[in-house]
N, C-alpha and C. Protein backbone atom coordinates (compact mmCIF):
# COMPACT_ATOMS: atom_id res chain seq x y z
N UNK A 1 -49.14 -2.67 -2.86
CA UNK A 1 -49.91 -1.83 -2.01
C UNK A 1 -51.17 -1.45 -2.65
N UNK A 2 -52.25 -1.73 -1.98
CA UNK A 2 -53.63 -1.44 -2.56
C UNK A 2 -54.25 -0.34 -1.75
N UNK A 3 -54.80 0.69 -2.46
CA UNK A 3 -55.55 1.75 -1.82
C UNK A 3 -56.92 1.89 -2.63
N UNK A 4 -57.75 2.69 -2.14
CA UNK A 4 -59.01 3.03 -2.80
C UNK A 4 -58.75 3.75 -4.09
N UNK A 5 -59.56 3.50 -5.13
CA UNK A 5 -59.38 4.06 -6.44
C UNK A 5 -59.32 5.54 -6.46
N UNK A 6 -60.00 6.29 -5.59
CA UNK A 6 -60.02 7.69 -5.59
C UNK A 6 -58.84 8.41 -4.81
N UNK A 7 -58.06 7.57 -4.11
CA UNK A 7 -56.92 8.07 -3.36
C UNK A 7 -55.75 8.52 -4.17
N UNK A 8 -55.11 9.51 -3.83
CA UNK A 8 -53.98 9.97 -4.57
C UNK A 8 -52.73 9.02 -4.35
N UNK A 9 -51.87 9.11 -5.35
CA UNK A 9 -50.57 8.31 -5.24
C UNK A 9 -49.57 8.88 -4.23
N UNK A 10 -49.55 10.17 -4.18
CA UNK A 10 -48.42 10.84 -3.44
C UNK A 10 -48.34 10.45 -1.94
N UNK A 11 -49.49 10.29 -1.22
CA UNK A 11 -49.45 9.83 0.15
C UNK A 11 -48.85 8.45 0.36
N UNK A 12 -48.80 7.68 -0.72
CA UNK A 12 -48.22 6.35 -0.58
C UNK A 12 -46.65 6.28 -1.03
N UNK A 13 -46.06 7.45 -1.31
CA UNK A 13 -44.76 7.62 -1.66
C UNK A 13 -43.82 6.99 -0.66
N UNK A 14 -43.89 7.46 0.57
CA UNK A 14 -43.02 6.97 1.72
C UNK A 14 -43.25 5.50 2.00
N UNK A 15 -44.50 5.02 2.25
CA UNK A 15 -44.66 3.66 2.50
C UNK A 15 -44.13 2.66 1.46
N UNK A 16 -44.22 3.09 0.23
CA UNK A 16 -43.71 2.21 -0.87
C UNK A 16 -42.22 2.12 -0.81
N UNK A 17 -41.55 3.31 -0.63
CA UNK A 17 -40.12 3.40 -0.54
C UNK A 17 -39.59 2.55 0.69
N UNK A 18 -40.39 2.60 1.76
CA UNK A 18 -39.91 1.89 3.05
C UNK A 18 -40.06 0.40 2.85
N UNK A 19 -40.92 0.03 1.93
CA UNK A 19 -41.17 -1.45 1.67
C UNK A 19 -40.24 -2.04 0.68
N UNK A 20 -39.31 -1.25 0.13
CA UNK A 20 -38.41 -1.79 -0.83
C UNK A 20 -37.39 -2.70 -0.26
N UNK A 21 -37.23 -3.92 -0.81
CA UNK A 21 -36.17 -4.87 -0.35
C UNK A 21 -35.58 -5.44 -1.69
N UNK A 22 -34.34 -5.12 -1.94
CA UNK A 22 -33.66 -5.61 -3.10
C UNK A 22 -32.62 -6.64 -2.69
N UNK A 23 -32.87 -7.94 -3.04
CA UNK A 23 -31.89 -8.99 -2.72
C UNK A 23 -30.49 -8.70 -3.20
N UNK A 24 -29.50 -9.02 -2.45
CA UNK A 24 -28.15 -8.90 -2.93
C UNK A 24 -27.76 -10.22 -3.56
N UNK A 25 -26.79 -10.11 -4.38
CA UNK A 25 -26.19 -11.32 -5.03
C UNK A 25 -25.42 -12.10 -3.95
N UNK A 26 -25.60 -13.31 -3.75
CA UNK A 26 -24.85 -14.04 -2.71
C UNK A 26 -25.56 -13.81 -1.38
N UNK A 27 -24.58 -13.60 -0.37
CA UNK A 27 -25.09 -13.52 1.03
C UNK A 27 -25.27 -12.01 1.35
N UNK A 28 -26.02 -11.85 2.46
CA UNK A 28 -26.17 -10.45 2.98
C UNK A 28 -27.59 -10.07 3.03
N UNK A 29 -27.92 -9.15 3.76
CA UNK A 29 -29.32 -8.73 3.92
C UNK A 29 -29.63 -7.81 2.76
N UNK A 30 -30.92 -7.70 2.41
CA UNK A 30 -31.34 -6.99 1.21
C UNK A 30 -31.13 -5.47 1.40
N UNK A 31 -30.97 -4.85 0.25
CA UNK A 31 -30.83 -3.36 0.29
C UNK A 31 -32.23 -2.76 0.59
N UNK A 32 -32.23 -1.70 1.37
CA UNK A 32 -33.50 -1.03 1.67
C UNK A 32 -33.54 0.39 1.08
N UNK A 33 -32.42 0.86 0.49
CA UNK A 33 -32.32 2.17 -0.03
C UNK A 33 -31.88 2.19 -1.41
N UNK A 34 -32.73 2.66 -2.32
CA UNK A 34 -32.31 2.71 -3.77
C UNK A 34 -31.34 3.87 -3.95
N UNK A 35 -30.50 3.80 -5.04
CA UNK A 35 -29.52 4.86 -5.32
C UNK A 35 -30.28 6.11 -5.76
N UNK A 36 -31.34 5.93 -6.51
CA UNK A 36 -32.00 7.07 -7.14
C UNK A 36 -33.50 6.74 -7.30
N UNK A 37 -34.33 7.78 -7.12
CA UNK A 37 -35.82 7.59 -7.38
C UNK A 37 -36.23 8.58 -8.48
N UNK A 38 -36.86 8.03 -9.47
CA UNK A 38 -37.47 8.80 -10.53
C UNK A 38 -38.98 8.76 -10.46
N UNK A 39 -39.58 9.87 -10.42
CA UNK A 39 -41.00 9.98 -10.33
C UNK A 39 -41.63 11.07 -11.13
N UNK A 40 -42.95 11.09 -11.40
CA UNK A 40 -43.42 12.14 -12.16
C UNK A 40 -43.84 13.36 -11.29
N UNK A 41 -44.36 14.44 -11.99
CA UNK A 41 -44.62 15.74 -11.31
C UNK A 41 -45.56 15.60 -10.09
N UNK A 42 -46.39 14.60 -10.06
CA UNK A 42 -47.40 14.51 -8.97
C UNK A 42 -46.69 14.29 -7.64
N UNK A 43 -45.41 13.73 -7.61
CA UNK A 43 -44.76 13.43 -6.41
C UNK A 43 -43.91 14.59 -5.94
N UNK A 44 -43.88 15.74 -6.63
CA UNK A 44 -43.09 16.90 -6.28
C UNK A 44 -43.65 17.58 -5.08
N UNK A 45 -43.05 17.40 -3.96
CA UNK A 45 -43.55 18.10 -2.75
C UNK A 45 -42.31 18.28 -1.80
N UNK A 46 -42.37 19.24 -0.98
CA UNK A 46 -41.32 19.42 -0.01
C UNK A 46 -41.12 18.23 0.88
N UNK A 47 -42.18 17.63 1.33
CA UNK A 47 -42.10 16.49 2.20
C UNK A 47 -41.38 15.31 1.47
N UNK A 48 -41.74 14.96 0.28
CA UNK A 48 -41.18 13.88 -0.47
C UNK A 48 -39.62 14.13 -0.71
N UNK A 49 -39.38 15.38 -1.11
CA UNK A 49 -37.96 15.67 -1.43
C UNK A 49 -37.12 15.67 -0.10
N UNK A 50 -37.71 16.17 1.04
CA UNK A 50 -36.95 16.22 2.24
C UNK A 50 -36.72 14.69 2.77
N UNK A 51 -37.68 13.86 2.55
CA UNK A 51 -37.67 12.41 2.93
C UNK A 51 -36.52 11.78 2.14
N UNK A 52 -36.44 12.04 0.87
CA UNK A 52 -35.35 11.43 0.09
C UNK A 52 -33.96 11.98 0.40
N UNK A 53 -33.94 13.21 0.71
CA UNK A 53 -32.67 13.85 1.17
C UNK A 53 -32.16 13.26 2.42
N UNK A 54 -33.00 13.14 3.38
CA UNK A 54 -32.71 12.53 4.69
C UNK A 54 -32.11 11.12 4.55
N UNK A 55 -32.69 10.32 3.58
CA UNK A 55 -32.20 9.02 3.36
C UNK A 55 -31.07 8.88 2.46
N UNK A 56 -30.63 10.05 1.90
CA UNK A 56 -29.42 10.00 1.00
C UNK A 56 -29.75 9.47 -0.43
N UNK A 57 -30.96 9.68 -0.84
CA UNK A 57 -31.38 9.05 -2.14
C UNK A 57 -31.44 10.26 -3.12
N UNK A 58 -30.77 10.03 -4.27
CA UNK A 58 -30.76 11.03 -5.34
C UNK A 58 -32.18 11.02 -5.98
N UNK A 59 -32.62 12.21 -6.42
CA UNK A 59 -34.01 12.38 -6.85
C UNK A 59 -34.02 12.87 -8.24
N UNK A 60 -34.97 12.42 -9.09
CA UNK A 60 -35.24 13.01 -10.39
C UNK A 60 -36.79 13.12 -10.56
N UNK A 61 -37.26 14.25 -10.01
CA UNK A 61 -38.69 14.55 -10.04
C UNK A 61 -38.86 15.86 -10.74
N UNK A 62 -39.49 15.97 -11.91
CA UNK A 62 -39.57 17.29 -12.60
C UNK A 62 -40.50 18.17 -11.70
N UNK A 63 -40.27 19.49 -11.87
CA UNK A 63 -41.01 20.55 -11.24
C UNK A 63 -42.14 20.98 -12.05
N UNK A 64 -43.38 20.93 -11.52
CA UNK A 64 -44.56 21.42 -12.27
C UNK A 64 -44.36 22.89 -12.78
N UNK A 65 -44.82 23.16 -13.99
CA UNK A 65 -44.48 24.57 -14.44
C UNK A 65 -45.38 25.62 -13.70
N UNK A 66 -46.44 25.16 -13.13
CA UNK A 66 -47.32 26.16 -12.41
C UNK A 66 -46.99 26.33 -10.92
N UNK A 67 -45.99 25.68 -10.41
CA UNK A 67 -45.73 25.71 -9.02
C UNK A 67 -45.49 27.13 -8.46
N UNK A 68 -44.67 27.96 -9.10
CA UNK A 68 -44.43 29.31 -8.79
C UNK A 68 -45.66 30.16 -8.80
N UNK A 69 -46.50 29.92 -9.76
CA UNK A 69 -47.71 30.70 -9.89
C UNK A 69 -48.78 30.38 -8.75
N UNK A 70 -48.66 29.18 -8.26
CA UNK A 70 -49.58 28.78 -7.23
C UNK A 70 -49.14 29.12 -5.75
N UNK A 71 -48.16 30.00 -5.69
CA UNK A 71 -47.70 30.55 -4.42
C UNK A 71 -46.71 29.70 -3.72
N UNK A 72 -46.13 28.73 -4.32
CA UNK A 72 -45.15 27.95 -3.67
C UNK A 72 -43.75 28.48 -3.82
N UNK A 73 -42.93 28.46 -2.84
CA UNK A 73 -41.54 28.93 -2.92
C UNK A 73 -40.71 27.91 -3.65
N UNK A 74 -39.65 28.26 -4.28
CA UNK A 74 -38.76 27.28 -4.91
C UNK A 74 -38.15 26.31 -3.97
N UNK A 75 -38.01 25.06 -4.37
CA UNK A 75 -37.40 24.13 -3.37
C UNK A 75 -35.91 24.19 -3.29
């Protein structure tokens, strides 16, 4: 997926996950849902976490140390 150089990565989080196709060994349609997603702090948002929760995907995204200081409620 290509975007302009000054665009952030986080808005592309959902489109990239929706484009995942993992071929199965042998027959069958490809998997579209990973078991787990690991990402850096830039992807920590309520929207991204809710999206993963709805799809039943386990998440490993660290929480930025300054989130509480910036007025965000704990997730």
